[in-house]
Amino acid sequence: MSKLKTHSGAAKRFKKTASGFKRKSAYKSHILTKMTTKRKRQLRGTSAVHPADLPAVKRMLRKI
């Protein structure tokens, strides 16, 4: 049987922590001129992956 491969797109977006996975907020990469300063500030930082999404993320990151 062949080796399991890590989903390379997911590997760039999620990091493993002791209690699960952390992720970056969406809508913070480009075209930020039309977004208010308050909105950009609220999107700063990381948050945990929602429990409903954990099985999918774990499946994509099997090797990590």
PDB file of N, CA and C in Angstrom:
ATOM      1  N   MET A   1       0.843  -1.188   0.000  1.00  0.00           N
ATOM      2  CA  MET A   1       0.000   0.000   0.000  1.00  0.00           C
ATOM      3  C   MET A   1       0.883   1.245   0.000  1.00  0.00           C
ATOM      4  N   SER A   2       0.457   2.275  -0.713  1.00  0.00           N
ATOM      5  CA  SER A   2       1.266   3.480  -0.802  1.00  0.00           C
ATOM      6  C   SER A   2       1.192   4.303   0.477  1.00  0.00           C
ATOM      7  N   LYS A   3       2.149   5.192   0.643  1.00  0.00           N
ATOM      8  CA  LYS A   3       2.197   6.037   1.821  1.00  0.00           C
ATOM      9  C   LYS A   3       1.099   7.093   1.770  1.00  0.00           C
ATOM     10  N   LEU A   4       0.632   7.523   2.943  1.00  0.00           N
ATOM     11  CA  LEU A   4      -0.345   8.599   3.022  1.00  0.00           C
ATOM     12  C   LEU A   4       0.362   9.926   2.791  1.00  0.00           C
ATOM     13  N   LYS A   5      -0.278  10.791   2.023  1.00  0.00           N
ATOM     14  CA  LYS A   5       0.305  12.094   1.758  1.00  0.00           C
ATOM     15  C   LYS A   5      -0.453  13.170   2.512  1.00  0.00           C
ATOM     16  N   THR A   6       0.281  14.149   3.005  1.00  0.00           N
ATOM     17  CA  THR A   6      -0.313  15.304   3.657  1.00  0.00           C
ATOM     18  C   THR A   6      -0.898  16.221   2.589  1.00  0.00           C
ATOM     19  N   HIS A   7      -2.065  16.786   2.836  1.00  0.00           N
ATOM     20  CA  HIS A   7      -2.667  17.769   1.942  1.00  0.00           C
ATOM     21  C   HIS A   7      -1.836  19.036   2.060  1.00  0.00           C
ATOM     22  N   SER A   8      -1.083  19.379   1.014  1.00  0.00           N
ATOM     23  CA  SER A   8      -0.104  20.463   1.114  1.00  0.00           C
ATOM     24  C   SER A   8      -0.760  21.818   1.341  1.00  0.00           C
ATOM     25  N   GLY A   9      -1.957  22.027   0.794  1.00  0.00           N
ATOM     26  CA  GLY A   9      -2.658  23.295   1.034  1.00  0.00           C
ATOM     27  C   GLY A   9      -3.061  23.447   2.484  1.00  0.00           C
ATOM     28  N   ALA A  10      -3.534  22.356   3.089  1.00  0.00           N
ATOM     29  CA  ALA A  10      -3.936  22.395   4.496  1.00  0.00           C
ATOM     30  C   ALA A  10      -2.723  22.538   5.403  1.00  0.00           C
ATOM     31  N   ALA A  11      -1.606  21.948   5.029  1.00  0.00           N
ATOM     32  CA  ALA A  11      -0.394  22.033   5.839  1.00  0.00           C
ATOM     33  C   ALA A  11       0.089  23.468   5.975  1.00  0.00           C
ATOM     34  N   LYS A  12      -0.167  24.299   4.960  1.00  0.00           N
ATOM     35  CA  LYS A  12       0.229  25.703   5.002  1.00  0.00           C
ATOM     36  C   LYS A  12      -0.733  26.537   5.840  1.00  0.00           C
ATOM     37  N   ARG A  13      -1.953  26.059   6.037  1.00  0.00           N
ATOM     38  CA  ARG A  13      -2.987  26.867   6.681  1.00  0.00           C
ATOM     39  C   ARG A  13      -3.256  26.521   8.136  1.00  0.00           C
ATOM     40  N   PHE A  14      -2.922  25.307   8.559  1.00  0.00           N
ATOM     41  CA  PHE A  14      -3.214  24.878   9.922  1.00  0.00           C
ATOM     42  C   PHE A  14      -1.935  24.458  10.630  1.00  0.00           C
ATOM     43  N   LYS A  15      -1.859  24.735  11.948  1.00  0.00           N
ATOM     44  CA  LYS A  15      -0.728  24.317  12.762  1.00  0.00           C
ATOM     45  C   LYS A  15      -1.269  23.500  13.927  1.00  0.00           C
ATOM     46  N   LYS A  16      -0.572  22.410  14.251  1.00  0.00           N
ATOM     47  CA  LYS A  16      -0.997  21.526  15.331  1.00  0.00           C
ATOM     48  C   LYS A  16      -0.663  22.158  16.679  1.00  0.00           C
ATOM     49  N   THR A  17      -1.610  22.081  17.625  1.00  0.00           N
ATOM     50  CA  THR A  17      -1.372  22.507  19.000  1.00  0.00           C
ATOM     51  C   THR A  17      -1.678  21.327  19.915  1.00  0.00           C
ATOM     52  N   ALA A  18      -1.480  21.527  21.212  1.00  0.00           N
ATOM     53  CA  ALA A  18      -1.722  20.437  22.163  1.00  0.00           C
ATOM     54  C   ALA A  18      -3.193  20.040  22.200  1.00  0.00           C
ATOM     55  N   SER A  19      -4.091  21.014  22.017  1.00  0.00           N
ATOM     56  CA  SER A  19      -5.524  20.728  22.141  1.00  0.00           C
ATOM     57  C   SER A  19      -6.233  20.597  20.798  1.00  0.00           C
ATOM     58  N   GLY A  20      -5.547  20.827  19.688  1.00  0.00           N
ATOM     59  CA  GLY A  20      -6.196  20.731  18.380  1.00  0.00           C
ATOM     60  C   GLY A  20      -5.356  21.383  17.296  1.00  0.00           C
ATOM     61  N   PHE A  21      -5.992  22.278  16.530  1.00  0.00           N
ATOM     62  CA  PHE A  21      -5.310  22.994  15.459  1.00  0.00           C
ATOM     63  C   PHE A  21      -5.663  24.467  15.538  1.00  0.00           C
ATOM     64  N   LYS A  22      -4.706  25.328  15.156  1.00  0.00           N
ATOM     65  CA  LYS A  22      -5.001  26.747  15.089  1.00  0.00           C
ATOM     66  C   LYS A  22      -5.017  27.181  13.630  1.00  0.00           C
ATOM     67  N   ARG A  23      -5.763  28.265  13.359  1.00  0.00           N
ATOM     68  CA  ARG A  23      -5.917  28.763  12.001  1.00  0.00           C
ATOM     69  C   ARG A  23      -5.923  30.283  12.010  1.00  0.00           C
ATOM     70  N   LYS A  24      -5.642  30.850  10.845  1.00  0.00           N
ATOM     71  CA  LYS A  24      -5.650  32.289  10.660  1.00  0.00           C
ATOM     72  C   LYS A  24      -7.033  32.713  10.187  1.00  0.00           C
ATOM     73  N   SER A  25      -7.409  33.953  10.463  1.00  0.00           N
ATOM     74  CA  SER A  25      -8.693  34.468   9.999  1.00  0.00           C
ATOM     75  C   SER A  25      -8.689  34.653   8.489  1.00  0.00           C
ATOM     76  N   ALA A  26      -9.831  34.450   7.867  1.00  0.00           N
ATOM     77  CA  ALA A  26      -9.973  34.651   6.429  1.00  0.00           C
ATOM     78  C   ALA A  26     -10.166  36.142   6.128  1.00  0.00           C
ATOM     79  N   TYR A  27     -10.113  36.486   4.855  1.00  0.00           N
ATOM     80  CA  TYR A  27     -10.354  37.861   4.366  1.00  0.00           C
ATOM     81  C   TYR A  27      -9.302  38.847   4.852  1.00  0.00           C
ATOM     82  N   LYS A  28      -8.068  38.409   5.009  1.00  0.00           N
ATOM     83  CA  LYS A  28      -7.016  39.291   5.517  1.00  0.00           C
ATOM     84  C   LYS A  28      -5.771  39.243   4.639  1.00  0.00           C
ATOM     85  N   SER A  29      -5.917  38.890   3.349  1.00  0.00           N
ATOM     86  CA  SER A  29      -4.727  38.719   2.517  1.00  0.00           C
ATOM     87  C   SER A  29      -4.514  39.846   1.500  1.00  0.00           C
ATOM     88  N   HIS A  30      -5.562  40.336   0.879  1.00  0.00           N
ATOM     89  CA  HIS A  30      -5.380  41.404  -0.110  1.00  0.00           C
ATOM     90  C   HIS A  30      -6.678  42.192  -0.248  1.00  0.00           C
ATOM     91  N   ILE A  31      -6.612  43.312  -0.992  1.00  0.00           N
ATOM     92  CA  ILE A  31      -7.713  44.278  -1.155  1.00  0.00           C
ATOM     93  C   ILE A  31      -8.193  44.749   0.228  1.00  0.00           C
ATOM     94  N   LEU A  32      -7.249  45.245   1.021  1.00  0.00           N
ATOM     95  CA  LEU A  32      -7.564  45.673   2.376  1.00  0.00           C
ATOM     96  C   LEU A  32      -7.863  47.171   2.465  1.00  0.00           C
ATOM     97  N   THR A  33      -7.741  47.896   1.345  1.00  0.00           N
ATOM     98  CA  THR A  33      -7.945  49.345   1.387  1.00  0.00           C
ATOM     99  C   THR A  33      -9.397  49.711   1.649  1.00  0.00           C
ATOM    100  N   LYS A  34     -10.316  48.900   1.160  1.00  0.00           N
ATOM    101  CA  LYS A  34     -11.740  49.210   1.358  1.00  0.00           C
ATOM    102  C   LYS A  34     -12.272  48.716   2.703  1.00  0.00           C
ATOM    103  N   MET A  35     -11.464  47.959   3.434  1.00  0.00           N
ATOM    104  CA  MET A  35     -11.896  47.422   4.727  1.00  0.00           C
ATOM    105  C   MET A  35     -11.557  48.415   5.838  1.00  0.00           C
ATOM    106  N   THR A  36     -12.453  48.540   6.807  1.00  0.00           N
ATOM    107  CA  THR A  36     -12.224  49.475   7.900  1.00  0.00           C
ATOM    108  C   THR A  36     -11.099  48.976   8.801  1.00  0.00           C
ATOM    109  N   THR A  37     -10.483  49.919   9.510  1.00  0.00           N
ATOM    110  CA  THR A  37      -9.395  49.583  10.421  1.00  0.00           C
ATOM    111  C   THR A  37      -9.887  48.661  11.523  1.00  0.00           C
ATOM    112  N   LYS A  38     -11.107  48.890  11.987  1.00  0.00           N
ATOM    113  CA  LYS A  38     -11.684  48.047  13.039  1.00  0.00           C
ATOM    114  C   LYS A  38     -11.810  46.601  12.570  1.00  0.00           C
ATOM    115  N   ARG A  39     -12.274  46.432  11.325  1.00  0.00           N
ATOM    116  CA  ARG A  39     -12.463  45.077  10.794  1.00  0.00           C
ATOM    117  C   ARG A  39     -11.121  44.359  10.650  1.00  0.00           C
ATOM    118  N   LYS A  40     -10.118  45.067  10.145  1.00  0.00           N
ATOM    119  CA  LYS A  40      -8.787  44.471   9.982  1.00  0.00           C
ATOM    120  C   LYS A  40      -8.189  44.097  11.336  1.00  0.00           C
ATOM    121  N   ARG A  41      -8.416  44.929  12.339  1.00  0.00           N
ATOM    122  CA  ARG A  41      -7.907  44.660  13.682  1.00  0.00           C
ATOM    123  C   ARG A  41      -8.575  43.418  14.284  1.00  0.00           C
ATOM    124  N   GLN A  42      -9.878  43.257  14.038  1.00  0.00           N
ATOM    125  CA  GLN A  42     -10.605  42.107  14.571  1.00  0.00           C
ATOM    126  C   GLN A  42     -10.191  40.802  13.895  1.00  0.00           C
ATOM    127  N   LEU A  43      -9.711  40.879  12.657  1.00  0.00           N
ATOM    128  CA  LEU A  43      -9.290  39.685  11.937  1.00  0.00           C
ATOM    129  C   LEU A  43      -7.853  39.281  12.245  1.00  0.00           C
ATOM    130  N   ARG A  44      -7.184  40.075  13.055  1.00  0.00           N
ATOM    131  CA  ARG A  44      -5.798  39.795  13.397  1.00  0.00           C
ATOM    132  C   ARG A  44      -5.699  38.585  14.316  1.00  0.00           C
ATOM    133  N   GLY A  45      -4.581  37.897  14.297  1.00  0.00           N
ATOM    134  CA  GLY A  45      -4.346  36.797  15.216  1.00  0.00           C
ATOM    135  C   GLY A  45      -4.890  35.470  14.719  1.00  0.00           C
ATOM    136  N   THR A  46      -4.859  34.478  15.598  1.00  0.00           N
ATOM    137  CA  THR A  46      -5.287  33.127  15.239  1.00  0.00           C
ATOM    138  C   THR A  46      -6.420  32.683  16.153  1.00  0.00           C
ATOM    139  N   SER A  47      -7.114  31.646  15.731  1.00  0.00           N
ATOM    140  CA  SER A  47      -8.155  31.040  16.555  1.00  0.00           C
ATOM    141  C   SER A  47      -8.120  29.541  16.334  1.00  0.00           C
ATOM    142  N   ALA A  48      -8.862  28.817  17.159  1.00  0.00           N
ATOM    143  CA  ALA A  48      -8.882  27.362  17.073  1.00  0.00           C
ATOM    144  C   ALA A  48      -9.846  26.915  15.981  1.00  0.00           C
ATOM    145  N   VAL A  49      -9.583  25.757  15.406  1.00  0.00           N
ATOM    146  CA  VAL A  49     -10.482  25.163  14.419  1.00  0.00           C
ATOM    147  C   VAL A  49     -11.734  24.684  15.148  1.00  0.00           C
ATOM    148  N   HIS A  50     -12.900  24.923  14.559  1.00  0.00           N
ATOM    149  CA  HIS A  50     -14.170  24.541  15.162  1.00  0.00           C
ATOM    150  C   HIS A  50     -14.243  23.014  15.291  1.00  0.00           C
ATOM    151  N   PRO A  51     -14.822  22.502  16.386  1.00  0.00           N
ATOM    152  CA  PRO A  51     -14.899  21.051  16.575  1.00  0.00           C
ATOM    153  C   PRO A  51     -15.573  20.299  15.428  1.00  0.00           C
ATOM    154  N   ALA A  52     -16.530  20.927  14.749  1.00  0.00           N
ATOM    155  CA  ALA A  52     -17.200  20.270  13.629  1.00  0.00           C
ATOM    156  C   ALA A  52     -16.260  20.069  12.446  1.00  0.00           C
ATOM    157  N   ASP A  53     -15.224  20.907  12.342  1.00  0.00           N
ATOM    158  CA  ASP A  53     -14.283  20.817  11.227  1.00  0.00           C
ATOM    159  C   ASP A  53     -13.042  19.986  11.565  1.00  0.00           C
ATOM    160  N   LEU A  54     -12.876  19.605  12.813  1.00  0.00           N
ATOM    161  CA  LEU A  54     -11.682  18.872  13.233  1.00  0.00           C
ATOM    162  C   LEU A  54     -11.467  17.553  12.480  1.00  0.00           C
ATOM    163  N   PRO A  55     -12.502  16.715  12.272  1.00  0.00           N
ATOM    164  CA  PRO A  55     -12.242  15.460  11.540  1.00  0.00           C
ATOM    165  C   PRO A  55     -11.686  15.671  10.141  1.00  0.00           C
ATOM    166  N   ALA A  56     -12.189  16.676   9.437  1.00  0.00           N
ATOM    167  CA  ALA A  56     -11.698  16.946   8.084  1.00  0.00           C
ATOM    168  C   ALA A  56     -10.256  17.430   8.111  1.00  0.00           C
ATOM    169  N   VAL A  57      -9.927  18.307   9.054  1.00  0.00           N
ATOM    170  CA  VAL A  57      -8.560  18.828   9.151  1.00  0.00           C
ATOM    171  C   VAL A  57      -7.602  17.711   9.542  1.00  0.00           C
ATOM    172  N   LYS A  58      -8.011  16.864  10.483  1.00  0.00           N
ATOM    173  CA  LYS A  58      -7.154  15.747  10.891  1.00  0.00           C
ATOM    174  C   LYS A  58      -6.895  14.791   9.739  1.00  0.00           C
ATOM    175  N   ARG A  59      -7.902  14.576   8.897  1.00  0.00           N
ATOM    176  CA  ARG A  59      -7.732  13.681   7.775  1.00  0.00           C
ATOM    177  C   ARG A  59      -6.757  14.265   6.745  1.00  0.00           C
ATOM    178  N   MET A  60      -6.801  15.568   6.546  1.00  0.00           N
ATOM    179  CA  MET A  60      -5.889  16.201   5.594  1.00  0.00           C
ATOM    180  C   MET A  60      -4.463  16.240   6.114  1.00  0.00           C
ATOM    181  N   LEU A  61      -4.300  16.262   7.446  1.00  0.00           N
ATOM    182  CA  LEU A  61      -2.968  16.390   8.041  1.00  0.00           C
ATOM    183  C   LEU A  61      -2.562  15.115   8.766  1.00  0.00           C
ATOM    184  N   ARG A  62      -2.773  14.001   8.166  1.00  0.00           N
ATOM    185  CA  ARG A  62      -2.524  12.700   8.815  1.00  0.00           C
ATOM    186  C   ARG A  62      -1.080  12.520   9.264  1.00  0.00           C
ATOM    187  N   LYS A  63      -0.133  12.976   8.474  1.00  0.00           N
ATOM    188  CA  LYS A  63       1.277  12.697   8.752  1.00  0.00           C
ATOM    189  C   LYS A  63       1.884  13.655   9.768  1.00  0.00           C
ATOM    190  N   ILE A  64       1.245  14.807   9.988  1.00  0.00           N
ATOM    191  CA  ILE A  64       1.844  15.815  10.889  1.00  0.00           C
ATOM    192  C   ILE A  64       1.543  15.453  12.330  1.00  0.00           C
TER     193      ILE A  64
END
